[in-house]
Each structure stands twice: as structure tokens, then as C-alpha cells.
């Protein structure tokens, strides 16, 4: 996976940034490529997985990762019992 240029900085979707500054209760986003930064710690974001919005609470260990890493997009295959 290619890294983003250092001079560009981390990617944060402007919609998330504006919702946090407005102190909205429920922050929904489809931007799974947004990098988690320290000011998001303790916030609950609702991230879209292609079907529904899944809530995740940001903790300290998630800083530096992307939102999409914590949201599964595919269902597990389960065999039916006969």
C-alpha cells in the first residue's frame, strides 16, 4: 500500500471535521479512508460499510489507522446445518 506524501498530511474528510466542530451528537460518514487523529479519541463515529452505518468508538490505540480498518464490509459464509 502506498503511503501518502508527508507534505500533504493525513487525509481527513472535511465533513467529519465540520461535524465535530459543530458538536453534533451523531456523526455519520462514508469516508473509510479518513485517518484517525488524536482529537477524535472518545468520539463515536457511524461508518458506512456499504449496507448500514456501524458505530465505532475511537480509542487511543486506533490513532494513525484508517476508519475502514475497523469496519467489516463482507459477511462471513456460514454453512447451514442439515
PDB file of N, CA and C in Angstrom:
ATOM      1  N   UNK A   1       0.841  -1.169   0.000  1.00  0.00           N
ATOM      2  CA  UNK A   1       0.000   0.000   0.000  1.00  0.00           C
ATOM      3  C   UNK A   1       0.891   1.239   0.000  1.00  0.00           C
ATOM      4  N   UNK A   2       0.594   2.170  -0.865  1.00  0.00           N
ATOM      5  CA  UNK A   2       1.402   3.376  -0.974  1.00  0.00           C
ATOM      6  C   UNK A   2       1.082   4.344   0.168  1.00  0.00           C
ATOM      7  N   UNK A   3       2.111   5.010   0.657  1.00  0.00           N
ATOM      8  CA  UNK A   3       1.918   5.992   1.722  1.00  0.00           C
ATOM      9  C   UNK A   3       1.550   7.345   1.116  1.00  0.00           C
ATOM     10  N   UNK A   4       0.876   8.137   1.892  1.00  0.00           N
ATOM     11  CA  UNK A   4       0.545   9.488   1.476  1.00  0.00           C
ATOM     12  C   UNK A   4       1.762  10.372   1.722  1.00  0.00           C
ATOM     13  N   UNK A   5       1.984  11.353   0.847  1.00  0.00           N
ATOM     14  CA  UNK A   5       3.122  12.246   0.982  1.00  0.00           C
ATOM     15  C   UNK A   5       3.084  12.982   2.321  1.00  0.00           C
ATOM     16  N   UNK A   6       4.240  13.162   2.909  1.00  0.00           N
ATOM     17  CA  UNK A   6       4.315  13.832   4.204  1.00  0.00           C
ATOM     18  C   UNK A   6       3.882  15.286   4.090  1.00  0.00           C
ATOM     19  N   UNK A   7       4.231  15.944   2.999  1.00  0.00           N
ATOM     20  CA  UNK A   7       3.878  17.352   2.867  1.00  0.00           C
ATOM     21  C   UNK A   7       2.378  17.555   2.694  1.00  0.00           C
ATOM     22  N   UNK A   8       1.638  16.528   2.288  1.00  0.00           N
ATOM     23  CA  UNK A   8       0.182  16.649   2.171  1.00  0.00           C
ATOM     24  C   UNK A   8      -0.498  16.488   3.525  1.00  0.00           C
ATOM     25  N   UNK A   9       0.099  15.704   4.404  1.00  0.00           N
ATOM     26  CA  UNK A   9      -0.505  15.459   5.710  1.00  0.00           C
ATOM     27  C   UNK A   9      -1.539  14.356   5.640  1.00  0.00           C
ATOM     28  N   UNK A  10      -2.114  13.980   6.781  1.00  0.00           N
ATOM     29  CA  UNK A  10      -3.111  12.901   6.805  1.00  0.00           C
ATOM     30  C   UNK A  10      -4.429  13.356   6.190  1.00  0.00           C
ATOM     31  N   UNK A  11      -5.163  12.412   5.602  1.00  0.00           N
ATOM     32  CA  UNK A  11      -6.450  12.728   4.975  1.00  0.00           C
ATOM     33  C   UNK A  11      -7.559  12.701   6.019  1.00  0.00           C
ATOM     34  N   UNK A  12      -8.295  13.792   6.104  1.00  0.00           N
ATOM     35  CA  UNK A  12      -9.483  13.872   6.947  1.00  0.00           C
ATOM     36  C   UNK A  12     -10.592  14.440   6.077  1.00  0.00           C
ATOM     37  N   UNK A  13     -11.690  13.729   6.008  1.00  0.00           N
ATOM     38  CA  UNK A  13     -12.822  14.196   5.211  1.00  0.00           C
ATOM     39  C   UNK A  13     -13.367  15.466   5.844  1.00  0.00           C
ATOM     40  N   UNK A  14     -13.575  16.509   5.055  1.00  0.00           N
ATOM     41  CA  UNK A  14     -13.981  17.811   5.603  1.00  0.00           C
ATOM     42  C   UNK A  14     -15.337  17.751   6.304  1.00  0.00           C
ATOM     43  N   UNK A  15     -16.180  16.808   5.918  1.00  0.00           N
ATOM     44  CA  UNK A  15     -17.484  16.649   6.542  1.00  0.00           C
ATOM     45  C   UNK A  15     -17.338  16.223   8.011  1.00  0.00           C
ATOM     46  N   UNK A  16     -16.429  15.325   8.289  1.00  0.00           N
ATOM     47  CA  UNK A  16     -16.184  14.868   9.661  1.00  0.00           C
ATOM     48  C   UNK A  16     -15.633  16.013  10.504  1.00  0.00           C
ATOM     49  N   UNK A  17     -14.702  16.742   9.935  1.00  0.00           N
ATOM     50  CA  UNK A  17     -14.081  17.849  10.660  1.00  0.00           C
ATOM     51  C   UNK A  17     -15.101  18.920  11.018  1.00  0.00           C
ATOM     52  N   UNK A  18     -16.010  19.239  10.087  1.00  0.00           N
ATOM     53  CA  UNK A  18     -17.013  20.269  10.374  1.00  0.00           C
ATOM     54  C   UNK A  18     -18.066  19.771  11.363  1.00  0.00           C
ATOM     55  N   UNK A  19     -18.435  18.486  11.299  1.00  0.00           N
ATOM     56  CA  UNK A  19     -19.419  17.937  12.236  1.00  0.00           C
ATOM     57  C   UNK A  19     -18.893  17.926  13.671  1.00  0.00           C
ATOM     58  N   UNK A  20     -17.612  17.660  13.843  1.00  0.00           N
ATOM     59  CA  UNK A  20     -17.021  17.645  15.179  1.00  0.00           C
ATOM     60  C   UNK A  20     -16.936  19.060  15.729  1.00  0.00           C
ATOM     61  N   UNK A  21     -16.604  20.030  14.874  1.00  0.00           N
ATOM     62  CA  UNK A  21     -16.516  21.406  15.347  1.00  0.00           C
ATOM     63  C   UNK A  21     -17.894  21.969  15.710  1.00  0.00           C
ATOM     64  N   UNK A  22     -18.966  21.420  15.112  1.00  0.00           N
ATOM     65  CA  UNK A  22     -20.328  21.848  15.437  1.00  0.00           C
ATOM     66  C   UNK A  22     -20.924  21.071  16.613  1.00  0.00           C
ATOM     67  N   UNK A  23     -20.157  20.129  17.188  1.00  0.00           N
ATOM     68  CA  UNK A  23     -20.579  19.293  18.319  1.00  0.00           C
ATOM     69  C   UNK A  23     -21.863  18.519  18.035  1.00  0.00           C
ATOM     70  N   UNK A  24     -21.928  17.898  16.859  1.00  0.00           N
ATOM     71  CA  UNK A  24     -23.088  17.066  16.541  1.00  0.00           C
ATOM     72  C   UNK A  24     -23.042  15.791  17.362  1.00  0.00           C
ATOM     73  N   UNK A  25     -24.225  15.288  17.731  1.00  0.00           N
ATOM     74  CA  UNK A  25     -24.319  14.070  18.545  1.00  0.00           C
ATOM     75  C   UNK A  25     -23.957  12.833  17.732  1.00  0.00           C
ATOM     76  N   UNK A  26     -24.527  12.723  16.524  1.00  0.00           N
ATOM     77  CA  UNK A  26     -24.346  11.534  15.703  1.00  0.00           C
ATOM     78  C   UNK A  26     -23.586  11.930  14.438  1.00  0.00           C
ATOM     79  N   UNK A  27     -22.334  11.489  14.329  1.00  0.00           N
ATOM     80  CA  UNK A  27     -21.503  11.833  13.179  1.00  0.00           C
ATOM     81  C   UNK A  27     -21.460  10.634  12.247  1.00  0.00           C
ATOM     82  N   UNK A  28     -22.121  10.749  11.096  1.00  0.00           N
ATOM     83  CA  UNK A  28     -22.150   9.678  10.106  1.00  0.00           C
ATOM     84  C   UNK A  28     -21.185  10.014   8.977  1.00  0.00           C
ATOM     85  N   UNK A  29     -20.497   8.988   8.473  1.00  0.00           N
ATOM     86  CA  UNK A  29     -19.572   9.210   7.379  1.00  0.00           C
ATOM     87  C   UNK A  29     -19.474   7.978   6.493  1.00  0.00           C
ATOM     88  N   UNK A  30     -19.138   8.224   5.246  1.00  0.00           N
ATOM     89  CA  UNK A  30     -18.857   7.138   4.307  1.00  0.00           C
ATOM     90  C   UNK A  30     -17.378   7.135   3.934  1.00  0.00           C
ATOM     91  N   UNK A  31     -16.608   8.062   4.485  1.00  0.00           N
ATOM     92  CA  UNK A  31     -15.187   8.205   4.165  1.00  0.00           C
ATOM     93  C   UNK A  31     -14.364   7.229   5.002  1.00  0.00           C
ATOM     94  N   UNK A  32     -14.229   6.000   4.510  1.00  0.00           N
ATOM     95  CA  UNK A  32     -13.479   4.968   5.231  1.00  0.00           C
ATOM     96  C   UNK A  32     -11.977   5.206   5.160  1.00  0.00           C
ATOM     97  N   UNK A  33     -11.528   6.076   4.261  1.00  0.00           N
ATOM     98  CA  UNK A  33     -10.096   6.328   4.110  1.00  0.00           C
ATOM     99  C   UNK A  33      -9.598   7.451   5.012  1.00  0.00           C
ATOM    100  N   UNK A  34     -10.444   7.965   5.876  1.00  0.00           N
ATOM    101  CA  UNK A  34     -10.059   9.027   6.799  1.00  0.00           C
ATOM    102  C   UNK A  34      -9.123   8.481   7.872  1.00  0.00           C
ATOM    103  N   UNK A  35      -8.030   9.188   8.116  1.00  0.00           N
ATOM    104  CA  UNK A  35      -7.055   8.787   9.126  1.00  0.00           C
ATOM    105  C   UNK A  35      -7.551   9.247  10.496  1.00  0.00           C
ATOM    106  N   UNK A  36      -7.418   8.380  11.489  1.00  0.00           N
ATOM    107  CA  UNK A  36      -7.843   8.701  12.850  1.00  0.00           C
ATOM    108  C   UNK A  36      -6.737   9.499  13.536  1.00  0.00           C
ATOM    109  N   UNK A  37      -7.094  10.686  14.026  1.00  0.00           N
ATOM    110  CA  UNK A  37      -6.150  11.577  14.696  1.00  0.00           C
ATOM    111  C   UNK A  37      -6.512  11.705  16.171  1.00  0.00           C
ATOM    112  N   UNK A  38      -5.583  12.211  16.999  1.00  0.00           N
ATOM    113  CA  UNK A  38      -5.814  12.258  18.454  1.00  0.00           C
ATOM    114  C   UNK A  38      -7.048  13.049  18.901  1.00  0.00           C
ATOM    115  N   UNK A  39      -7.479  14.052  18.140  1.00  0.00           N
ATOM    116  CA  UNK A  39      -8.639  14.824  18.595  1.00  0.00           C
ATOM    117  C   UNK A  39      -9.942  14.045  18.466  1.00  0.00           C
ATOM    118  N   UNK A  40      -9.918  12.870  17.847  1.00  0.00           N
ATOM    119  CA  UNK A  40     -11.107  12.029  17.707  1.00  0.00           C
ATOM    120  C   UNK A  40     -11.277  11.034  18.857  1.00  0.00           C
ATOM    121  N   UNK A  41     -10.297  10.948  19.763  1.00  0.00           N
ATOM    122  CA  UNK A  41     -10.357   9.973  20.854  1.00  0.00           C
ATOM    123  C   UNK A  41     -11.582  10.239  21.727  1.00  0.00           C
ATOM    124  N   UNK A  42     -12.344   9.185  21.982  1.00  0.00           N
ATOM    125  CA  UNK A  42     -13.530   9.286  22.813  1.00  0.00           C
ATOM    126  C   UNK A  42     -14.807   9.573  22.039  1.00  0.00           C
ATOM    127  N   UNK A  43     -14.711   9.925  20.777  1.00  0.00           N
ATOM    128  CA  UNK A  43     -15.886  10.215  19.957  1.00  0.00           C
ATOM    129  C   UNK A  43     -16.435   8.919  19.370  1.00  0.00           C
ATOM    130  N   UNK A  44     -17.733   8.902  19.081  1.00  0.00           N
ATOM    131  CA  UNK A  44     -18.361   7.766  18.410  1.00  0.00           C
ATOM    132  C   UNK A  44     -18.730   8.194  17.001  1.00  0.00           C
ATOM    133  N   UNK A  45     -18.197   7.485  16.030  1.00  0.00           N
ATOM    134  CA  UNK A  45     -18.483   7.764  14.623  1.00  0.00           C
ATOM    135  C   UNK A  45     -19.293   6.611  14.051  1.00  0.00           C
ATOM    136  N   UNK A  46     -20.213   6.918  13.169  1.00  0.00           N
ATOM    137  CA  UNK A  46     -21.001   5.910  12.474  1.00  0.00           C
ATOM    138  C   UNK A  46     -20.443   5.810  11.064  1.00  0.00           C
ATOM    139  N   UNK A  47     -19.787   4.686  10.750  1.00  0.00           N
ATOM    140  CA  UNK A  47     -19.105   4.499   9.476  1.00  0.00           C
ATOM    141  C   UNK A  47     -19.920   3.544   8.613  1.00  0.00           C
ATOM    142  N   UNK A  48     -20.093   3.904   7.348  1.00  0.00           N
ATOM    143  CA  UNK A  48     -20.897   3.126   6.413  1.00  0.00           C
ATOM    144  C   UNK A  48     -20.087   1.965   5.861  1.00  0.00           C
ATOM    145  N   UNK A  49     -20.657   0.742   5.900  1.00  0.00           N
ATOM    146  CA  UNK A  49     -19.931  -0.419   5.384  1.00  0.00           C
ATOM    147  C   UNK A  49     -20.471  -0.883   4.035  1.00  0.00           C
ATOM    148  N   UNK A  50     -21.361  -0.125   3.442  1.00  0.00           N
ATOM    149  CA  UNK A  50     -21.948  -0.494   2.162  1.00  0.00           C
ATOM    150  C   UNK A  50     -23.401  -0.887   2.300  1.00  0.00           C
ATOM    151  N   UNK A  51     -23.830  -1.119   3.521  1.00  0.00           N
ATOM    152  CA  UNK A  51     -25.215  -1.520   3.775  1.00  0.00           C
ATOM    153  C   UNK A  51     -25.830  -0.726   4.923  1.00  0.00           C
ATOM    154  N   UNK A  52     -25.126  -0.647   6.036  1.00  0.00           N
ATOM    155  CA  UNK A  52     -25.623   0.068   7.217  1.00  0.00           C
ATOM    156  C   UNK A  52     -24.482   0.897   7.834  1.00  0.00           C
ATOM    157  N   UNK A  53     -24.858   1.816   8.721  1.00  0.00           N
ATOM    158  CA  UNK A  53     -23.871   2.583   9.467  1.00  0.00           C
ATOM    159  C   UNK A  53     -23.548   1.835  10.754  1.00  0.00           C
ATOM    160  N   UNK A  54     -22.270   1.550  10.976  1.00  0.00           N
ATOM    161  CA  UNK A  54     -21.823   0.801  12.146  1.00  0.00           C
ATOM    162  C   UNK A  54     -21.108   1.761  13.097  1.00  0.00           C
ATOM    163  N   UNK A  55     -21.532   1.821  14.383  1.00  0.00           N
ATOM    164  CA  UNK A  55     -20.876   2.740  15.320  1.00  0.00           C
ATOM    165  C   UNK A  55     -19.544   2.188  15.819  1.00  0.00           C
ATOM    166  N   UNK A  56     -18.531   3.064  15.849  1.00  0.00           N
ATOM    167  CA  UNK A  56     -17.254   2.703  16.480  1.00  0.00           C
ATOM    168  C   UNK A  56     -16.851   3.842  17.396  1.00  0.00           C
ATOM    169  N   UNK A  57     -16.348   3.495  18.552  1.00  0.00           N
ATOM    170  CA  UNK A  57     -15.825   4.477  19.494  1.00  0.00           C
ATOM    171  C   UNK A  57     -14.317   4.484  19.351  1.00  0.00           C
ATOM    172  N   UNK A  58     -13.769   5.652  19.137  1.00  0.00           N
ATOM    173  CA  UNK A  58     -12.335   5.790  18.895  1.00  0.00           C
ATOM    174  C   UNK A  58     -11.591   5.698  20.217  1.00  0.00           C
ATOM    175  N   UNK A  59     -10.575   4.818  20.268  1.00  0.00           N
ATOM    176  CA  UNK A  59      -9.718   4.688  21.441  1.00  0.00           C
ATOM    177  C   UNK A  59      -8.289   5.045  21.044  1.00  0.00           C
ATOM    178  N   UNK A  60      -7.430   5.130  22.023  1.00  0.00           N
ATOM    179  CA  UNK A  60      -6.069   5.612  21.811  1.00  0.00           C
ATOM    180  C   UNK A  60      -5.251   4.725  20.869  1.00  0.00           C
ATOM    181  N   UNK A  61      -5.496   3.423  20.887  1.00  0.00           N
ATOM    182  CA  UNK A  61      -4.727   2.504  20.046  1.00  0.00           C
ATOM    183  C   UNK A  61      -5.071   2.629  18.562  1.00  0.00           C
ATOM    184  N   UNK A  62      -6.191   3.262  18.231  1.00  0.00           N
ATOM    185  CA  UNK A  62      -6.620   3.398  16.841  1.00  0.00           C
ATOM    186  C   UNK A  62      -5.965   4.571  16.116  1.00  0.00           C
ATOM    187  N   UNK A  63      -5.294   5.468  16.840  1.00  0.00           N
ATOM    188  CA  UNK A  63      -4.709   6.661  16.240  1.00  0.00           C
ATOM    189  C   UNK A  63      -3.667   6.262  15.204  1.00  0.00           C
ATOM    190  N   UNK A  64      -3.773   6.857  14.020  1.00  0.00           N
ATOM    191  CA  UNK A  64      -2.857   6.563  12.923  1.00  0.00           C
ATOM    192  C   UNK A  64      -3.416   5.576  11.926  1.00  0.00           C
ATOM    193  N   UNK A  65      -4.464   4.856  12.288  1.00  0.00           N
ATOM    194  CA  UNK A  65      -5.105   3.907  11.385  1.00  0.00           C
ATOM    195  C   UNK A  65      -6.203   4.613  10.605  1.00  0.00           C
ATOM    196  N   UNK A  66      -6.828   3.887   9.697  1.00  0.00           N
ATOM    197  CA  UNK A  66      -7.940   4.440   8.927  1.00  0.00           C
ATOM    198  C   UNK A  66      -9.249   3.866   9.454  1.00  0.00           C
ATOM    199  N   UNK A  67     -10.341   4.596   9.246  1.00  0.00           N
ATOM    200  CA  UNK A  67     -11.644   4.160   9.752  1.00  0.00           C
ATOM    201  C   UNK A  67     -12.068   2.826   9.149  1.00  0.00           C
ATOM    202  N   UNK A  68     -11.754   2.592   7.903  1.00  0.00           N
ATOM    203  CA  UNK A  68     -12.179   1.378   7.218  1.00  0.00           C
ATOM    204  C   UNK A  68     -11.554   0.108   7.744  1.00  0.00           C
ATOM    205  N   UNK A  69     -10.472   0.214   8.489  1.00  0.00           N
ATOM    206  CA  UNK A  69      -9.811  -0.971   9.030  1.00  0.00           C
ATOM    207  C   UNK A  69     -10.627  -1.645  10.122  1.00  0.00           C
ATOM    208  N   UNK A  70     -11.561  -0.941  10.725  1.00  0.00           N
ATOM    209  CA  UNK A  70     -12.316  -1.463  11.853  1.00  0.00           C
ATOM    210  C   UNK A  70     -13.746  -1.830  11.488  1.00  0.00           C
ATOM    211  N   UNK A  71     -14.120  -1.676  10.225  1.00  0.00           N
ATOM    212  CA  UNK A  71     -15.476  -1.961   9.772  1.00  0.00           C
ATOM    213  C   UNK A  71     -15.435  -3.070   8.728  1.00  0.00           C
ATOM    214  N   UNK A  72     -15.993  -4.256   9.033  1.00  0.00           N
ATOM    215  CA  UNK A  72     -16.022  -5.324   8.026  1.00  0.00           C
ATOM    216  C   UNK A  72     -17.046  -5.000   6.940  1.00  0.00           C
ATOM    217  N   UNK A  73     -16.688  -5.288   5.686  1.00  0.00           N
ATOM    218  CA  UNK A  73     -17.587  -4.991   4.576  1.00  0.00           C
ATOM    219  C   UNK A  73     -18.212  -6.242   3.990  1.00  0.00           C
ATOM    220  N   UNK A  74     -17.698  -7.388   4.339  1.00  0.00           N
ATOM    221  CA  UNK A  74     -18.217  -8.640   3.786  1.00  0.00           C
ATOM    222  C   UNK A  74     -18.755  -9.519   4.900  1.00  0.00           C
ATOM    223  N   UNK A  75     -19.795 -10.262   4.586  1.00  0.00           N
ATOM    224  CA  UNK A  75     -20.376 -11.180   5.554  1.00  0.00           C
ATOM    225  C   UNK A  75     -19.598 -12.481   5.576  1.00  0.00           C
ATOM    226  N   UNK A  76     -19.546 -13.123   6.736  1.00  0.00           N
ATOM    227  CA  UNK A  76     -18.901 -14.431   6.844  1.00  0.00           C
ATOM    228  C   UNK A  76     -19.818 -15.468   6.247  1.00  0.00           C
ATOM    229  N   UNK A  77     -19.244 -16.425   5.562  1.00  0.00           N
ATOM    230  CA  UNK A  77     -20.021 -17.518   4.995  1.00  0.00           C
ATOM    231  C   UNK A  77     -20.270 -18.568   6.077  1.00  0.00           C
ATOM    232  N   UNK A  78     -21.521 -18.913   6.282  1.00  0.00           N
ATOM    233  CA  UNK A  78     -21.895 -19.891   7.302  1.00  0.00           C
ATOM    234  C   UNK A  78     -22.663 -21.033   6.614  1.00  0.00           C
ATOM    235  N   UNK A  79     -22.194 -22.250   6.806  1.00  0.00           N
ATOM    236  CA  UNK A  79     -22.882 -23.414   6.244  1.00  0.00           C
ATOM    237  C   UNK A  79     -24.112 -23.749   7.081  1.00  0.00           C
ATOM    238  N   UNK A  80     -25.171 -24.111   6.406  1.00  0.00           N
ATOM    239  CA  UNK A  80     -26.397 -24.481   7.107  1.00  0.00           C
ATOM    240  C   UNK A  80     -26.281 -25.899   7.622  1.00  0.00           C
ATOM    241  N   UNK A  81     -26.806 -26.125   8.824  1.00  0.00           N
ATOM    242  CA  UNK A  81     -26.827 -27.474   9.365  1.00  0.00           C
ATOM    243  C   UNK A  81     -28.028 -28.206   8.786  1.00  0.00           C
ATOM    244  N   UNK A  82     -27.820 -29.481   8.493  1.00  0.00           N
ATOM    245  CA  UNK A  82     -28.919 -30.278   7.918  1.00  0.00           C
ATOM    246  C   UNK A  82     -29.569 -31.125   8.961  1.00  0.00           C
TER     247      UNK A  82
END
